[in-house]
PDB file of N, CA and C in Angstrom:
ATOM      1  N   MET A   1     -12.137 -22.527 -10.315  1.00  0.00           N
ATOM      2  CA  MET A   1     -11.928 -21.621  -9.213  1.00  0.00           C
ATOM      3  C   MET A   1     -13.113 -21.760  -8.263  1.00  0.00           C
ATOM      4  N   THR A   2     -12.834 -21.915  -6.966  1.00  0.00           N
ATOM      5  CA  THR A   2     -13.903 -22.015  -5.981  1.00  0.00           C
ATOM      6  C   THR A   2     -14.411 -20.631  -5.631  1.00  0.00           C
ATOM      7  N   GLY A   3     -15.515 -20.540  -4.933  1.00  0.00           N
ATOM      8  CA  GLY A   3     -16.144 -19.269  -4.621  1.00  0.00           C
ATOM      9  C   GLY A   3     -15.294 -18.330  -3.782  1.00  0.00           C
ATOM     10  N   ASP A   4     -14.337 -18.857  -2.999  1.00  0.00           N
ATOM     11  CA  ASP A   4     -13.563 -17.994  -2.107  1.00  0.00           C
ATOM     12  C   ASP A   4     -12.088 -17.918  -2.514  1.00  0.00           C
ATOM     13  N   GLU A   5     -11.786 -18.311  -3.739  1.00  0.00           N
ATOM     14  CA  GLU A   5     -10.411 -18.294  -4.229  1.00  0.00           C
ATOM     15  C   GLU A   5     -10.107 -16.951  -4.900  1.00  0.00           C
ATOM     16  N   ALA A   6      -8.922 -16.442  -4.663  1.00  0.00           N
ATOM     17  CA  ALA A   6      -8.528 -15.174  -5.278  1.00  0.00           C
ATOM     18  C   ALA A   6      -8.462 -15.332  -6.793  1.00  0.00           C
ATOM     19  N   PRO A   7      -8.932 -14.337  -7.570  1.00  0.00           N
ATOM     20  CA  PRO A   7      -8.964 -14.466  -9.024  1.00  0.00           C
ATOM     21  C   PRO A   7      -7.582 -14.452  -9.667  1.00  0.00           C
ATOM     22  N   ASN A   8      -6.557 -13.995  -8.959  1.00  0.00           N
ATOM     23  CA  ASN A   8      -5.213 -13.916  -9.538  1.00  0.00           C
ATOM     24  C   ASN A   8      -4.264 -14.960  -8.972  1.00  0.00           C
ATOM     25  N   GLY A   9      -4.803 -16.021  -8.415  1.00  0.00           N
ATOM     26  CA  GLY A   9      -3.961 -17.061  -7.857  1.00  0.00           C
ATOM     27  C   GLY A   9      -4.263 -17.270  -6.392  1.00  0.00           C
ATOM     28  N   PRO A  10      -3.463 -18.087  -5.739  1.00  0.00           N
ATOM     29  CA  PRO A  10      -3.739 -18.397  -4.339  1.00  0.00           C
ATOM     30  C   PRO A  10      -3.616 -17.154  -3.461  1.00  0.00           C
ATOM     31  N   ALA A  11      -4.474 -17.071  -2.473  1.00  0.00           N
ATOM     32  CA  ALA A  11      -4.475 -15.935  -1.552  1.00  0.00           C
ATOM     33  C   ALA A  11      -3.201 -15.935  -0.700  1.00  0.00           C
ATOM     34  N   LEU A  12      -2.677 -14.763  -0.424  1.00  0.00           N
ATOM     35  CA  LEU A  12      -1.507 -14.643   0.445  1.00  0.00           C
ATOM     36  C   LEU A  12      -1.866 -14.944   1.889  1.00  0.00           C
ATOM     37  N   TYR A  13      -3.100 -14.660   2.248  1.00  0.00           N
ATOM     38  CA  TYR A  13      -3.585 -14.920   3.595  1.00  0.00           C
ATOM     39  C   TYR A  13      -4.692 -15.960   3.490  1.00  0.00           C
ATOM     40  N   GLY A  14      -4.303 -17.217   3.504  1.00  0.00           N
ATOM     41  CA  GLY A  14      -5.240 -18.309   3.289  1.00  0.00           C
ATOM     42  C   GLY A  14      -6.334 -18.419   4.326  1.00  0.00           C
ATOM     43  N   ASP A  15      -6.111 -17.838   5.511  1.00  0.00           N
ATOM     44  CA  ASP A  15      -7.122 -17.945   6.551  1.00  0.00           C
ATOM     45  C   ASP A  15      -8.112 -16.782   6.540  1.00  0.00           C
ATOM     46  N   SER A  16      -8.030 -15.894   5.554  1.00  0.00           N
ATOM     47  CA  SER A  16      -9.015 -14.814   5.447  1.00  0.00           C
ATOM     48  C   SER A  16      -9.830 -15.010   4.177  1.00  0.00           C
ATOM     49  N   ALA A  17     -11.092 -14.639   4.266  1.00  0.00           N
ATOM     50  CA  ALA A  17     -11.996 -14.797   3.118  1.00  0.00           C
ATOM     51  C   ALA A  17     -11.724 -13.701   2.096  1.00  0.00           C
ATOM     52  N   THR A  18     -11.795 -14.031   0.839  1.00  0.00           N
ATOM     53  CA  THR A  18     -11.611 -13.054  -0.228  1.00  0.00           C
ATOM     54  C   THR A  18     -12.572 -11.886  -0.055  1.00  0.00           C
ATOM     55  N   SER A  19     -13.780 -12.165   0.383  1.00  0.00           N
ATOM     56  CA  SER A  19     -14.783 -11.111   0.549  1.00  0.00           C
ATOM     57  C   SER A  19     -14.386 -10.092   1.616  1.00  0.00           C
ATOM     58  N   ASP A  20     -13.535 -10.470   2.571  1.00  0.00           N
ATOM     59  CA  ASP A  20     -13.090  -9.537   3.613  1.00  0.00           C
ATOM     60  C   ASP A  20     -12.245  -8.400   3.040  1.00  0.00           C
ATOM     61  N   TRP A  21     -11.674  -8.601   1.862  1.00  0.00           N
ATOM     62  CA  TRP A  21     -10.778  -7.617   1.264  1.00  0.00           C
ATOM     63  C   TRP A  21     -11.530  -6.563   0.456  1.00  0.00           C
ATOM     64  N   GLY A  22     -12.835  -6.694   0.349  1.00  0.00           N
ATOM     65  CA  GLY A  22     -13.642  -5.688  -0.344  1.00  0.00           C
ATOM     66  C   GLY A  22     -13.646  -5.880  -1.849  1.00  0.00           C
ATOM     67  N   GLU A  23     -13.863  -4.785  -2.541  1.00  0.00           N
ATOM     68  CA  GLU A  23     -13.946  -4.806  -3.999  1.00  0.00           C
ATOM     69  C   GLU A  23     -12.589  -5.094  -4.626  1.00  0.00           C
ATOM     70  N   ARG A  24     -12.601  -5.718  -5.778  1.00  0.00           N
ATOM     71  CA  ARG A  24     -11.350  -6.030  -6.473  1.00  0.00           C
ATOM     72  C   ARG A  24     -10.570  -4.746  -6.776  1.00  0.00           C
ATOM     73  N   TYR A  25     -11.235  -3.719  -7.199  1.00  0.00           N
ATOM     74  CA  TYR A  25     -10.606  -2.421  -7.419  1.00  0.00           C
ATOM     75  C   TYR A  25     -11.176  -1.461  -6.393  1.00  0.00           C
ATOM     76  N   GLY A  26     -10.391  -1.094  -5.431  1.00  0.00           N
ATOM     77  CA  GLY A  26     -10.846  -0.172  -4.402  1.00  0.00           C
ATOM     78  C   GLY A  26     -10.775  -0.741  -3.002  1.00  0.00           C
ATOM     79  N   GLY A  27     -10.821  -2.047  -2.869  1.00  0.00           N
ATOM     80  CA  GLY A  27     -10.683  -2.659  -1.555  1.00  0.00           C
ATOM     81  C   GLY A  27     -11.880  -2.461  -0.652  1.00  0.00           C
ATOM     82  N   VAL A  28     -11.612  -2.384   0.646  1.00  0.00           N
ATOM     83  CA  VAL A  28     -12.679  -2.258   1.630  1.00  0.00           C
ATOM     84  C   VAL A  28     -13.354  -0.898   1.502  1.00  0.00           C
ATOM     85  N   GLU A  29     -14.591  -0.825   1.951  1.00  0.00           N
ATOM     86  CA  GLU A  29     -15.370   0.392   1.757  1.00  0.00           C
ATOM     87  C   GLU A  29     -15.489   1.261   2.999  1.00  0.00           C
ATOM     88  N   SER A  30     -15.087   0.750   4.173  1.00  0.00           N
ATOM     89  CA  SER A  30     -15.215   1.541   5.388  1.00  0.00           C
ATOM     90  C   SER A  30     -14.079   1.215   6.350  1.00  0.00           C
ATOM     91  N   ARG A  31     -13.876   2.120   7.291  1.00  0.00           N
ATOM     92  CA  ARG A  31     -12.849   1.931   8.314  1.00  0.00           C
ATOM     93  C   ARG A  31     -13.120   0.655   9.110  1.00  0.00           C
ATOM     94  N   ALA A  32     -14.379   0.397   9.410  1.00  0.00           N
ATOM     95  CA  ALA A  32     -14.749  -0.800  10.173  1.00  0.00           C
ATOM     96  C   ALA A  32     -14.345  -2.078   9.445  1.00  0.00           C
ATOM     97  N   ASP A  33     -14.378  -2.055   8.113  1.00  0.00           N
ATOM     98  CA  ASP A  33     -13.983  -3.233   7.331  1.00  0.00           C
ATOM     99  C   ASP A  33     -12.517  -3.587   7.520  1.00  0.00           C
ATOM    100  N   CYS A  34     -11.685  -2.619   7.904  1.00  0.00           N
ATOM    101  CA  CYS A  34     -10.255  -2.880   8.116  1.00  0.00           C
ATOM    102  C   CYS A  34     -10.042  -3.960   9.167  1.00  0.00           C
ATOM    103  N   PHE A  35     -10.947  -4.049  10.142  1.00  0.00           N
ATOM    104  CA  PHE A  35     -10.782  -4.991  11.234  1.00  0.00           C
ATOM    105  C   PHE A  35     -11.142  -6.417  10.849  1.00  0.00           C
ATOM    106  N   LYS A  36     -11.626  -6.632   9.639  1.00  0.00           N
ATOM    107  CA  LYS A  36     -11.862  -7.975   9.111  1.00  0.00           C
ATOM    108  C   LYS A  36     -10.578  -8.546   8.504  1.00  0.00           C
ATOM    109  N   LEU A  37      -9.616  -7.676   8.242  1.00  0.00           N
ATOM    110  CA  LEU A  37      -8.366  -8.078   7.586  1.00  0.00           C
ATOM    111  C   LEU A  37      -7.387  -8.655   8.610  1.00  0.00           C
ATOM    112  N   PRO A  38      -6.376  -9.399   8.137  1.00  0.00           N
ATOM    113  CA  PRO A  38      -5.354  -9.912   9.049  1.00  0.00           C
ATOM    114  C   PRO A  38      -4.681  -8.771   9.818  1.00  0.00           C
ATOM    115  N   GLY A  39      -4.318  -9.037  11.054  1.00  0.00           N
ATOM    116  CA  GLY A  39      -3.768  -8.018  11.940  1.00  0.00           C
ATOM    117  C   GLY A  39      -2.596  -7.240  11.388  1.00  0.00           C
ATOM    118  N   ASN A  40      -1.710  -7.893  10.640  1.00  0.00           N
ATOM    119  CA  ASN A  40      -0.501  -7.206  10.168  1.00  0.00           C
ATOM    120  C   ASN A  40      -0.747  -6.261   8.994  1.00  0.00           C
ATOM    121  N   VAL A  41      -1.959  -6.181   8.467  1.00  0.00           N
ATOM    122  CA  VAL A  41      -2.260  -5.213   7.402  1.00  0.00           C
ATOM    123  C   VAL A  41      -3.301  -4.185   7.826  1.00  0.00           C
ATOM    124  N   GLN A  42      -3.827  -4.326   9.032  1.00  0.00           N
ATOM    125  CA  GLN A  42      -4.873  -3.417   9.488  1.00  0.00           C
ATOM    126  C   GLN A  42      -4.392  -1.976   9.603  1.00  0.00           C
ATOM    127  N   GLN A  43      -3.176  -1.746  10.073  1.00  0.00           N
ATOM    128  CA  GLN A  43      -2.686  -0.378  10.225  1.00  0.00           C
ATOM    129  C   GLN A  43      -2.616   0.347   8.886  1.00  0.00           C
ATOM    130  N   GLY A  44      -2.197  -0.339   7.840  1.00  0.00           N
ATOM    131  CA  GLY A  44      -2.164   0.269   6.514  1.00  0.00           C
ATOM    132  C   GLY A  44      -3.558   0.602   6.022  1.00  0.00           C
ATOM    133  N   CYS A  45      -4.498  -0.269   6.294  1.00  0.00           N
ATOM    134  CA  CYS A  45      -5.887  -0.026   5.915  1.00  0.00           C
ATOM    135  C   CYS A  45      -6.440   1.172   6.684  1.00  0.00           C
ATOM    136  N   LEU A  46      -6.175   1.219   7.976  1.00  0.00           N
ATOM    137  CA  LEU A  46      -6.658   2.332   8.801  1.00  0.00           C
ATOM    138  C   LEU A  46      -6.049   3.657   8.351  1.00  0.00           C
ATOM    139  N   TYR A  47      -4.800   3.628   7.903  1.00  0.00           N
ATOM    140  CA  TYR A  47      -4.145   4.844   7.397  1.00  0.00           C
ATOM    141  C   TYR A  47      -4.961   5.441   6.247  1.00  0.00           C
ATOM    142  N   ARG A  48      -5.467   4.583   5.402  1.00  0.00           N
ATOM    143  CA  ARG A  48      -6.279   5.050   4.261  1.00  0.00           C
ATOM    144  C   ARG A  48      -7.475   5.863   4.745  1.00  0.00           C
ATOM    145  N   PHE A  49      -8.128   5.419   5.800  1.00  0.00           N
ATOM    146  CA  PHE A  49      -9.326   6.108   6.273  1.00  0.00           C
ATOM    147  C   PHE A  49      -9.002   7.249   7.227  1.00  0.00           C
ATOM    148  N   ASP A  50      -7.950   7.108   8.019  1.00  0.00           N
ATOM    149  CA  ASP A  50      -7.615   8.134   9.001  1.00  0.00           C
ATOM    150  C   ASP A  50      -6.820   9.289   8.402  1.00  0.00           C
ATOM    151  N   SER A  51      -5.937   9.001   7.476  1.00  0.00           N
ATOM    152  CA  SER A  51      -5.065  10.047   6.925  1.00  0.00           C
ATOM    153  C   SER A  51      -5.402  10.442   5.493  1.00  0.00           C
ATOM    154  N   LEU A  52      -5.952   9.532   4.729  1.00  0.00           N
ATOM    155  CA  LEU A  52      -6.256   9.812   3.321  1.00  0.00           C
ATOM    156  C   LEU A  52      -7.754  10.014   3.101  1.00  0.00           C
ATOM    157  N   GLU A  53      -8.498  10.167   4.192  1.00  0.00           N
ATOM    158  CA  GLU A  53      -9.934  10.434   4.142  1.00  0.00           C
ATOM    159  C   GLU A  53     -10.697   9.398   3.317  1.00  0.00           C
ATOM    160  N   GLY A  54     -10.231   8.145   3.344  1.00  0.00           N
ATOM    161  CA  GLY A  54     -10.918   7.059   2.671  1.00  0.00           C
ATOM    162  C   GLY A  54     -10.682   6.961   1.183  1.00  0.00           C
ATOM    163  N   SER A  55      -9.835   7.798   0.635  1.00  0.00           N
ATOM    164  CA  SER A  55      -9.591   7.788  -0.801  1.00  0.00           C
ATOM    165  C   SER A  55      -8.924   6.489  -1.226  1.00  0.00           C
ATOM    166  N   ASP A  56      -9.414   5.886  -2.310  1.00  0.00           N
ATOM    167  CA  ASP A  56      -8.747   4.688  -2.817  1.00  0.00           C
ATOM    168  C   ASP A  56      -7.785   5.022  -3.950  1.00  0.00           C
ATOM    169  N   ASN A  57      -7.829   6.241  -4.449  1.00  0.00           N
ATOM    170  CA  ASN A  57      -6.885   6.718  -5.463  1.00  0.00           C
ATOM    171  C   ASN A  57      -6.509   8.162  -5.131  1.00  0.00           C
ATOM    172  N   PRO A  58      -5.719   8.341  -4.073  1.00  0.00           N
ATOM    173  CA  PRO A  58      -5.411   9.717  -3.656  1.00  0.00           C
ATOM    174  C   PRO A  58      -4.551  10.443  -4.682  1.00  0.00           C
ATOM    175  N   GLY A  59      -4.770  11.740  -4.785  1.00  0.00           N
ATOM    176  CA  GLY A  59      -3.930  12.560  -5.652  1.00  0.00           C
ATOM    177  C   GLY A  59      -2.559  12.727  -5.027  1.00  0.00           C
ATOM    178  N   VAL A  60      -1.554  12.832  -5.840  1.00  0.00           N
ATOM    179  CA  VAL A  60      -0.193  13.013  -5.335  1.00  0.00           C
ATOM    180  C   VAL A  60       0.495  14.120  -6.113  1.00  0.00           C
ATOM    181  N   SER A  61       1.458  14.724  -5.470  1.00  0.00           N
ATOM    182  CA  SER A  61       2.312  15.720  -6.116  1.00  0.00           C
ATOM    183  C   SER A  61       3.750  15.251  -5.954  1.00  0.00           C
ATOM    184  N   TYR A  62       4.520  15.401  -6.994  1.00  0.00           N
ATOM    185  CA  TYR A  62       5.911  14.979  -6.960  1.00  0.00           C
ATOM    186  C   TYR A  62       6.814  16.192  -6.988  1.00  0.00           C
ATOM    187  N   LYS A  63       7.908  16.075  -6.300  1.00  0.00           N
ATOM    188  CA  LYS A  63       8.906  17.130  -6.299  1.00  0.00           C
ATOM    189  C   LYS A  63      10.275  16.448  -6.338  1.00  0.00           C
ATOM    190  N   ARG A  64      11.087  16.828  -7.287  1.00  0.00           N
ATOM    191  CA  ARG A  64      12.421  16.251  -7.380  1.00  0.00           C
ATOM    192  C   ARG A  64      13.278  16.796  -6.257  1.00  0.00           C
ATOM    193  N   VAL A  65      14.000  15.897  -5.606  1.00  0.00           N
ATOM    194  CA  VAL A  65      14.931  16.302  -4.550  1.00  0.00           C
ATOM    195  C   VAL A  65      16.330  15.860  -4.932  1.00  0.00           C
ATOM    196  N   LYS A  66      17.324  16.582  -4.484  1.00  0.00           N
ATOM    197  CA  LYS A  66      18.704  16.173  -4.715  1.00  0.00           C
ATOM    198  C   LYS A  66      19.034  15.052  -3.749  1.00  0.00           C
ATOM    199  N   CYS A  67      19.251  13.878  -4.273  1.00  0.00           N
ATOM    200  CA  CYS A  67      19.493  12.718  -3.424  1.00  0.00           C
ATOM    201  C   CYS A  67      20.787  12.849  -2.634  1.00  0.00           C
ATOM    202  N   GLY A  68      21.715  13.646  -3.114  1.00  0.00           N
ATOM    203  CA  GLY A  68      22.961  13.836  -2.382  1.00  0.00           C
ATOM    204  C   GLY A  68      22.744  14.405  -0.993  1.00  0.00           C
ATOM    205  N   TYR A  69      21.652  15.113  -0.809  1.00  0.00           N
ATOM    206  CA  TYR A  69      21.328  15.670   0.497  1.00  0.00           C
ATOM    207  C   TYR A  69      20.656  14.654   1.416  1.00  0.00           C
ATOM    208  N   TYR A  70      20.204  13.545   0.855  1.00  0.00           N
ATOM    209  CA  TYR A  70      19.469  12.531   1.609  1.00  0.00           C
ATOM    210  C   TYR A  70      20.125  11.167   1.392  1.00  0.00           C
ATOM    211  N   PRO A  71      21.219  10.907   2.090  1.00  0.00           N
ATOM    212  CA  PRO A  71      21.959   9.661   1.840  1.00  0.00           C
ATOM    213  C   PRO A  71      21.121   8.402   2.002  1.00  0.00           C
ATOM    214  N   GLU A  72      20.124   8.427   2.872  1.00  0.00           N
ATOM    215  CA  GLU A  72      19.304   7.230   3.050  1.00  0.00           C
ATOM    216  C   GLU A  72      18.538   6.868   1.783  1.00  0.00           C
ATOM    217  N   LEU A  73      18.407   7.813   0.837  1.00  0.00           N
ATOM    218  CA  LEU A  73      17.719   7.531  -0.423  1.00  0.00           C
ATOM    219  C   LEU A  73      18.598   6.792  -1.428  1.00  0.00           C
ATOM    220  N   TRP A  74      19.903   6.895  -1.299  1.00  0.00           N
ATOM    221  CA  TRP A  74      20.748   6.280  -2.332  1.00  0.00           C
ATOM    222  C   TRP A  74      21.816   5.333  -1.804  1.00  0.00           C
ATOM    223  N   GLU A  75      22.032   5.257  -0.504  1.00  0.00           N
ATOM    224  CA  GLU A  75      23.105   4.401   0.018  1.00  0.00           C
ATOM    225  C   GLU A  75      22.934   2.931  -0.331  1.00  0.00           C
ATOM    226  N   LYS A  76      21.715   2.435  -0.293  1.00  0.00           N
ATOM    227  CA  LYS A  76      21.491   1.012  -0.568  1.00  0.00           C
ATOM    228  C   LYS A  76      21.792   0.652  -2.014  1.00  0.00           C
ATOM    229  N   SER A  77      21.458   1.543  -2.949  1.00  0.00           N
ATOM    230  CA  SER A  77      21.660   1.225  -4.355  1.00  0.00           C
ATOM    231  C   SER A  77      23.013   1.693  -4.870  1.00  0.00           C
ATOM    232  N   ASN A  78      23.633   2.613  -4.142  1.00  0.00           N
ATOM    233  CA  ASN A  78      24.901   3.207  -4.566  1.00  0.00           C
ATOM    234  C   ASN A  78      24.751   3.865  -5.939  1.00  0.00           C
ATOM    235  N   CYS A  79      23.568   4.395  -6.181  1.00  0.00           N
ATOM    236  CA  CYS A  79      23.271   5.027  -7.459  1.00  0.00           C
ATOM    237  C   CYS A  79      22.920   6.491  -7.205  1.00  0.00           C
ATOM    238  N   LEU A  80      23.675   7.391  -7.801  1.00  0.00           N
ATOM    239  CA  LEU A  80      23.466   8.810  -7.586  1.00  0.00           C
ATOM    240  C   LEU A  80      23.817   9.567  -8.870  1.00  0.00           C
ATOM    241  N   LEU A  81      22.940  10.456  -9.294  1.00  0.00           N
ATOM    242  CA  LEU A  81      23.214  11.269 -10.469  1.00  0.00           C
ATOM    243  C   LEU A  81      24.392  12.198 -10.185  1.00  0.00           C
ATOM    244  N   ALA A  82      25.268  12.385 -11.158  1.00  0.00           N
ATOM    245  CA  ALA A  82      26.430  13.250 -10.979  1.00  0.00           C
ATOM    246  C   ALA A  82      26.016  14.650 -10.553  1.00  0.00           C
ATOM    247  N   ARG A  83      24.899  15.137 -11.079  1.00  0.00           N
ATOM    248  CA  ARG A  83      24.473  16.495 -10.746  1.00  0.00           C
ATOM    249  C   ARG A  83      23.932  16.609  -9.315  1.00  0.00           C
ATOM    250  N   ASP A  84      23.728  15.459  -8.649  1.00  0.00           N
ATOM    251  CA  ASP A  84      23.233  15.474  -7.272  1.00  0.00           C
ATOM    252  C   ASP A  84      24.328  15.320  -6.228  1.00  0.00           C
ATOM    253  N   VAL A  85      25.556  15.124  -6.644  1.00  0.00           N
ATOM    254  CA  VAL A  85      26.649  14.962  -5.679  1.00  0.00           C
ATOM    255  C   VAL A  85      26.868  16.288  -4.980  1.00  0.00           C
ATOM    256  N   VAL A  86      26.922  16.234  -3.654  1.00  0.00           N
ATOM    257  CA  VAL A  86      27.129  17.469  -2.873  1.00  0.00           C
ATOM    258  C   VAL A  86      28.555  17.572  -2.397  1.00  0.00           C
TER     259      VAL A  86
END
């Protein structure tokens, strides 16, 4: 493995340095580091710092919803629990 090769195989973005992606676990360390990344992933990186306050492992809460009320959640798979049919 060369010094700039991704440890899990070939890089998806061959024209960016592995070091631009930050730590292996946690990624980039600052909002400014997002601008070192390829343009098509910068918005997702910025979201982490602008909306998630820089958290690399944000807490989440789950709430079950009846999918029958939200057709966009099940139309593609055509999978719906019988108890969720409206």
